[in-house]
N, C-alpha and C. Protein backbone atom coordinates (compact mmCIF):
# COMPACT_ATOMS: atom_id res chain seq x y z
N MET A 1 150.73 112.08 125.39
CA MET A 1 150.03 111.59 124.47
C MET A 1 149.85 111.35 123.59
N ALA A 2 150.10 109.92 122.47
CA ALA A 2 150.66 109.58 121.71
C ALA A 2 148.79 109.31 120.23
N THR A 3 149.48 110.14 119.39
CA THR A 3 148.34 110.55 118.51
C THR A 3 147.50 108.88 118.06
N PRO A 4 146.72 108.86 117.71
CA PRO A 4 146.64 107.48 117.56
C PRO A 4 147.12 107.45 115.94
N ARG A 5 146.77 106.02 115.66
CA ARG A 5 147.42 105.73 114.45
C ARG A 5 146.35 105.24 113.75
N LYS A 6 146.37 106.48 112.42
CA LYS A 6 145.40 105.95 110.58
C LYS A 6 145.22 104.60 110.99
N PRO A 7 143.75 103.74 109.88
CA PRO A 7 144.08 102.81 110.50
C PRO A 7 144.21 102.21 108.33
N ARG A 8 145.06 101.50 108.44
CA ARG A 8 145.89 100.97 107.52
C ARG A 8 145.15 101.40 105.98
N GLN A 9 145.05 101.66 105.11
CA GLN A 9 143.82 102.53 104.15
C GLN A 9 144.47 100.36 103.02
N HIS A 10 145.33 99.46 103.03
CA HIS A 10 145.46 98.33 102.47
C HIS A 10 145.87 97.22 103.34
N PRO A 11 145.45 95.88 103.00
CA PRO A 11 145.73 95.12 104.33
C PRO A 11 148.26 94.20 104.41
N ALA A 12 148.03 94.35 105.42
CA ALA A 12 149.61 93.27 105.28
C ALA A 12 149.72 92.32 104.50
N LEU A 13 151.07 92.88 103.45
CA LEU A 13 151.43 91.80 102.10
C LEU A 13 152.34 90.22 103.82
N SER A 14 151.74 89.16 102.86
CA SER A 14 152.80 88.41 104.13
C SER A 14 154.07 87.99 102.68
N GLU A 15 154.62 87.33 104.23
CA GLU A 15 156.00 87.42 103.35
C GLU A 15 156.40 86.13 101.89
N THR A 16 155.53 85.40 101.67
CA THR A 16 155.10 84.92 100.56
C THR A 16 155.01 86.16 99.65
N GLN A 17 153.77 86.62 99.57
CA GLN A 17 153.48 88.22 98.61
C GLN A 17 154.30 88.69 98.59
N LEU A 18 154.73 89.91 99.80
CA LEU A 18 156.11 90.07 100.43
C LEU A 18 157.15 90.08 99.12
N GLU A 19 157.23 88.55 98.90
CA GLU A 19 159.33 87.60 98.15
C GLU A 19 158.32 87.75 96.75
N ALA A 20 156.75 88.07 96.31
CA ALA A 20 156.42 87.46 94.21
C ALA A 20 157.30 89.27 94.11
N VAL A 21 156.43 90.71 95.25
CA VAL A 21 156.73 91.18 94.20
C VAL A 21 158.41 92.07 94.42
N ALA A 22 159.26 91.49 95.57
CA ALA A 22 160.79 91.82 95.21
C ALA A 22 160.92 90.90 94.15
N ARG A 23 160.91 90.17 93.14
CA ARG A 23 160.86 89.04 92.52
C ARG A 23 160.90 89.81 91.39
N ARG A 24 159.24 90.60 91.40
CA ARG A 24 157.98 91.70 90.64
C ARG A 24 159.79 92.78 90.09
N PHE A 25 160.11 93.79 91.57
CA PHE A 25 160.51 94.48 90.63
C PHE A 25 162.15 94.18 90.12
N ARG A 26 162.74 93.55 90.79
CA ARG A 26 164.28 92.54 90.15
C ARG A 26 164.42 92.11 88.46
N ALA A 27 162.72 91.69 88.52
CA ALA A 27 162.44 91.69 87.02
C ALA A 27 162.49 92.75 86.31
N LEU A 28 161.67 94.25 87.19
CA LEU A 28 161.86 94.83 86.13
C LEU A 28 163.23 95.67 85.79
N ALA A 29 163.79 95.08 87.18
CA ALA A 29 165.17 96.34 86.54
C ALA A 29 166.28 96.25 86.47
N VAL A 30 166.06 95.06 85.15
CA VAL A 30 167.17 95.10 84.09
C VAL A 30 166.76 96.50 82.55
N PRO A 31 167.89 97.33 82.21
CA PRO A 31 167.01 97.73 81.01
C PRO A 31 166.94 97.24 80.22
N SER A 32 166.92 95.28 80.09
CA SER A 32 166.91 95.09 78.29
C SER A 32 165.14 94.64 78.87
N ARG A 33 164.19 94.44 79.73
CA ARG A 33 163.42 94.60 80.47
C ARG A 33 162.09 94.88 80.37
N LEU A 34 162.80 96.63 80.56
CA LEU A 34 162.03 97.69 80.79
C LEU A 34 161.60 97.77 78.93
N ARG A 35 162.95 97.90 78.23
CA ARG A 35 162.49 97.63 76.24
C ARG A 35 161.49 97.63 76.56
N ILE A 36 161.54 96.21 76.07
CA ILE A 36 160.43 94.82 76.61
C ILE A 36 159.55 95.58 76.38
N VAL A 37 159.18 95.83 78.31
CA VAL A 37 157.85 95.85 78.79
C VAL A 37 156.70 97.44 77.97
N ASN A 38 157.65 98.14 78.06
CA ASN A 38 157.53 99.89 77.60
C ASN A 38 157.39 99.26 75.79
N ALA A 39 157.36 99.10 74.43
CA ALA A 39 157.19 98.68 73.55
C ALA A 39 156.00 98.05 73.78
N LEU A 40 155.83 97.13 74.78
CA LEU A 40 154.11 96.56 75.31
C LEU A 40 152.61 97.35 75.26
N MET A 41 153.82 98.48 75.30
CA MET A 41 152.42 99.53 76.43
C MET A 41 151.42 99.96 75.24
N ASN A 42 151.94 99.82 74.17
CA ASN A 42 150.71 99.44 73.11
C ASN A 42 150.50 98.59 72.84
N GLY A 43 150.10 97.69 72.63
CA GLY A 43 149.27 96.73 72.60
C GLY A 43 150.57 95.13 72.03
N PRO A 44 149.95 94.16 71.33
CA PRO A 44 150.66 92.54 72.12
C PRO A 44 151.13 93.00 70.32
N LEU A 45 152.38 92.43 70.67
CA LEU A 45 153.18 92.32 69.38
C LEU A 45 154.22 91.17 68.95
N ALA A 46 154.26 91.14 67.81
CA ALA A 46 155.14 89.06 66.98
C ALA A 46 156.27 89.64 67.87
N MET A 47 156.82 88.58 67.59
CA MET A 47 158.21 88.19 68.53
C MET A 47 159.21 88.95 66.95
N ALA A 48 159.56 89.30 66.09
CA ALA A 48 159.89 90.01 64.92
C ALA A 48 159.95 91.46 65.74
N GLU A 49 158.39 91.20 66.38
CA GLU A 49 158.55 93.11 66.07
C GLU A 49 159.00 93.18 67.55
N LEU A 50 159.29 93.26 68.27
CA LEU A 50 159.27 92.57 69.53
C LEU A 50 160.60 93.74 69.62
N ALA A 51 161.74 92.81 68.87
CA ALA A 51 163.07 92.47 68.03
C ALA A 51 162.94 94.49 67.55
N ASP A 52 162.37 94.14 66.61
CA ASP A 52 163.13 95.67 65.62
C ASP A 52 162.49 96.56 66.99
N GLU A 53 161.42 96.81 67.53
CA GLU A 53 161.02 97.50 68.61
C GLU A 53 162.45 97.89 69.93
N THR A 54 162.92 97.38 70.46
CA THR A 54 163.14 96.72 71.38
C THR A 54 165.19 96.46 70.90
N GLY A 55 165.48 96.53 70.21
CA GLY A 55 166.86 96.53 69.52
C GLY A 55 167.81 94.79 69.99
N LEU A 56 167.19 93.67 70.38
CA LEU A 56 167.33 92.91 71.22
C LEU A 56 167.95 91.22 70.21
N ALA A 57 168.94 90.15 70.53
CA ALA A 57 168.81 89.73 69.30
C ALA A 57 167.30 88.90 70.16
N PRO A 58 167.47 87.80 68.78
CA PRO A 58 166.01 87.12 69.37
C PRO A 58 166.73 85.87 70.83
N SER A 59 168.15 86.23 70.00
CA SER A 59 167.70 85.10 71.50
C SER A 59 167.54 85.36 73.25
N ASN A 60 168.34 86.38 72.70
CA ASN A 60 168.17 87.58 74.29
C ASN A 60 167.08 87.69 74.46
N LEU A 61 166.47 88.23 73.42
CA LEU A 61 164.53 88.67 73.51
C LEU A 61 163.57 87.67 74.17
N SER A 62 164.32 86.69 73.80
CA SER A 62 163.45 85.03 74.13
C SER A 62 163.95 85.20 76.00
N ARG A 63 165.41 85.10 76.26
CA ARG A 63 165.64 85.18 77.33
C ARG A 63 165.08 86.56 78.40
N GLN A 64 165.24 87.16 78.24
CA GLN A 64 164.52 88.19 78.54
C GLN A 64 163.13 88.51 78.95
N ILE A 65 162.63 87.58 78.27
CA ILE A 65 161.07 87.69 77.80
C ILE A 65 160.73 86.41 79.00
N THR A 66 160.89 85.15 78.86
CA THR A 66 161.19 84.25 79.83
C THR A 66 161.22 84.61 81.50
N GLU A 67 162.14 85.18 81.30
CA GLU A 67 162.11 86.09 83.28
C GLU A 67 161.17 87.07 83.47
N LEU A 68 160.41 87.91 82.27
CA LEU A 68 158.82 88.18 83.10
C LEU A 68 157.86 87.58 83.14
N GLU A 69 157.99 86.45 81.95
CA GLU A 69 156.60 85.47 82.21
C GLU A 69 157.11 84.48 83.88
N LEU A 70 158.43 84.49 83.66
CA LEU A 70 157.59 83.85 85.91
C LEU A 70 158.07 84.81 86.37
N VAL A 71 158.05 86.24 85.98
CA VAL A 71 156.99 87.11 87.86
C VAL A 71 155.81 87.53 86.95
N GLY A 72 154.48 86.84 85.58
CA GLY A 72 154.01 87.22 85.44
C GLY A 72 153.30 88.55 85.32
N CYS A 73 154.88 89.32 84.74
CA CYS A 73 154.55 90.88 83.83
C CYS A 73 153.82 90.38 82.18
N VAL A 74 154.63 89.34 81.16
CA VAL A 74 154.22 89.36 79.71
C VAL A 74 153.18 87.21 80.31
N LEU A 75 153.48 88.03 78.78
CA LEU A 75 152.59 86.76 78.26
C LEU A 75 153.34 85.74 77.17
N ARG A 76 152.84 85.05 76.55
CA ARG A 76 153.76 84.56 75.06
C ARG A 76 152.75 83.55 74.53
N GLU A 77 151.88 84.14 73.35
CA GLU A 77 150.64 82.80 72.50
C GLU A 77 151.38 82.83 71.28
N ARG A 78 150.97 81.04 70.52
CA ARG A 78 151.96 80.43 69.53
C ARG A 78 150.53 80.00 69.32
N SER A 79 150.05 80.75 67.69
CA SER A 79 149.16 80.72 67.01
C SER A 79 150.21 79.84 65.34
N GLY A 80 150.36 78.59 65.82
CA GLY A 80 151.35 78.78 64.42
C GLY A 80 152.83 78.30 65.28
N ARG A 81 153.12 79.07 64.06
CA ARG A 81 154.58 78.91 64.50
C ARG A 81 154.45 80.15 64.48
N ASP A 82 153.69 81.91 64.32
CA ASP A 82 154.34 83.10 64.84
C ASP A 82 153.63 83.44 66.81
N VAL A 83 154.27 83.87 66.93
CA VAL A 83 154.05 83.79 68.68
C VAL A 83 154.45 85.22 68.51
N THR A 84 153.00 85.22 69.76
CA THR A 84 153.14 87.24 70.21
C THR A 84 153.43 87.54 71.70
N VAL A 85 153.21 88.20 71.63
CA VAL A 85 154.14 89.19 73.32
C VAL A 85 153.04 89.90 74.01
N HIS A 86 152.15 89.33 74.90
CA HIS A 86 151.45 90.79 75.58
C HIS A 86 151.97 91.19 76.97
N ILE A 87 151.06 92.83 77.69
CA ILE A 87 151.56 92.45 78.90
C ILE A 87 150.42 91.24 79.49
N ALA A 88 150.79 90.78 80.32
CA ALA A 88 149.83 89.30 81.38
C ALA A 88 149.37 90.85 82.32
N ASP A 89 149.72 91.50 82.70
CA ASP A 89 148.96 91.87 84.30
C ASP A 89 148.91 93.31 84.21
N PRO A 90 147.57 93.74 83.56
CA PRO A 90 146.93 95.49 83.28
C PRO A 90 147.71 96.73 84.63
N THR A 91 147.87 96.15 85.21
CA THR A 91 148.07 97.26 86.81
C THR A 91 149.99 96.97 86.40
N LEU A 92 149.98 96.95 85.34
CA LEU A 92 152.27 96.74 84.90
C LEU A 92 151.33 98.20 84.19
N HIS A 93 150.75 98.45 82.90
CA HIS A 93 150.54 99.32 82.32
C HIS A 93 150.60 100.84 83.43
N GLN A 94 149.05 100.66 84.58
CA GLN A 94 149.15 101.72 85.66
C GLN A 94 150.77 102.14 86.58
N LEU A 95 151.46 101.15 86.63
CA LEU A 95 152.55 101.44 87.54
C LEU A 95 154.15 102.07 86.30
N CYS A 96 153.64 101.74 84.94
CA CYS A 96 154.81 102.63 84.42
C CYS A 96 154.19 103.60 83.65
N GLU A 97 153.37 103.57 83.58
CA GLU A 97 152.27 105.28 84.05
C GLU A 97 153.30 106.55 85.19
N LEU A 98 152.69 105.41 86.22
CA LEU A 98 153.28 106.53 87.35
C LEU A 98 154.74 106.02 87.72
N VAL A 99 155.62 105.40 87.64
CA VAL A 99 157.21 105.78 87.66
C VAL A 99 157.54 106.57 85.84
N CYS A 100 157.04 106.30 85.35
CA CYS A 100 157.54 106.76 84.10
C CYS A 100 157.61 108.32 84.01
N GLY A 101 156.12 108.33 84.55
CA GLY A 101 155.46 110.42 84.77
C GLY A 101 156.12 111.35 85.90
N SER A 102 156.53 110.07 87.10
CA SER A 102 157.39 111.07 87.90
C SER A 102 158.51 110.95 87.26
N LEU A 103 158.86 110.25 86.96
CA LEU A 103 160.48 110.80 86.25
C LEU A 103 160.80 111.79 85.66
N ALA A 104 159.29 111.89 84.30
CA ALA A 104 159.02 112.86 83.15
C ALA A 104 159.17 114.07 84.50
N LYS A 105 158.19 114.59 85.21
CA LYS A 105 158.17 114.78 86.02
C LYS A 105 158.99 116.04 86.08
N GLN A 106 159.74 114.92 86.67
CA GLN A 106 161.49 115.84 87.61
C GLN A 106 162.46 115.91 86.53
N VAL A 107 162.35 114.92 85.08
CA VAL A 107 163.62 115.70 84.58
C VAL A 107 162.85 117.39 84.26
N ALA A 108 161.47 117.39 83.44
CA ALA A 108 160.77 118.26 83.26
C ALA A 108 160.98 119.75 84.00
N ASP A 109 161.25 119.14 85.55
CA ASP A 109 161.33 120.04 86.48
C ASP A 109 163.31 120.97 86.26
N LYS A 110 163.44 120.46 86.38
CA LYS A 110 165.00 119.76 86.54
C LYS A 110 165.02 120.84 85.26
N ASN A 111 164.49 120.63 83.56
CA ASN A 111 165.26 122.05 82.66
C ASN A 111 164.65 123.03 82.30
N ARG A 112 163.45 123.37 83.69
CA ARG A 112 163.15 124.24 83.66
C ARG A 112 163.87 125.33 84.65
N GLU A 113 164.88 125.13 85.91
CA GLU A 113 165.73 124.96 86.38
C GLU A 113 166.82 126.02 85.89
N MET A 114 167.24 124.84 84.89
CA MET A 114 168.29 124.78 84.59
C MET A 114 168.74 126.05 83.24
N GLN A 115 167.07 126.81 83.19
CA GLN A 115 166.64 127.50 81.83
C GLN A 115 166.64 129.07 82.50
N ARG A 116 166.49 129.45 84.01
CA ARG A 116 166.01 130.11 84.55
C ARG A 116 167.21 131.19 84.43
N PRO A 117 167.18 132.00 84.45
CA PRO A 117 168.78 133.02 84.98
C PRO A 117 168.87 132.83 85.87
N ALA A 118 170.82 133.07 86.31
CA ALA A 118 171.23 132.19 87.06
C ALA A 118 171.05 133.23 88.37
N SER A 119 170.56 134.31 88.14
CA SER A 119 170.13 135.30 89.84
C SER A 119 168.60 135.14 90.06
N ARG A 120 167.84 133.76 89.13
CA ARG A 120 166.85 133.45 89.75
C ARG A 120 166.91 132.43 90.25
N ARG A 121 167.55 131.90 90.52
CA ARG A 121 168.09 130.23 91.29
C ARG A 121 168.15 130.61 92.36
C-alpha cells in the first residue's frame, strides 16, 4: 500500500510565476548584482555611495541596477539630481540571509574540519 502524500505546504506556481522566479534568480546570479544587493542590505544608498561600496564604474552600476529593477529587486528614487537605490522586495533580505547564512556555516564547518588533527578526521 502506498504511503499517503502530505498536503502541499504552499500552492503550486503557474508557468508565468515560475518564469518570473527564474528571471529573478538569473538576475541574482551575476556577482556584480549581488554586490549591489549586499551593499543595500543595510539600507538605501545614493548612486555615488553605491559605486564606492561595490567598486563598480557608474555606467556599469547603472546597467546592473536596471537589470535588478526589471525583476523587482531594487528601486531607484530620484529627488532633484540625487538618485537613491533601495531594496524593493523585503523578502530579498530573507533570501540573502538564508543563502549567505548557509554558505557561512559550510565554510565554518570546513574550517573546523581542516583544523582537526589528521588522526581525528
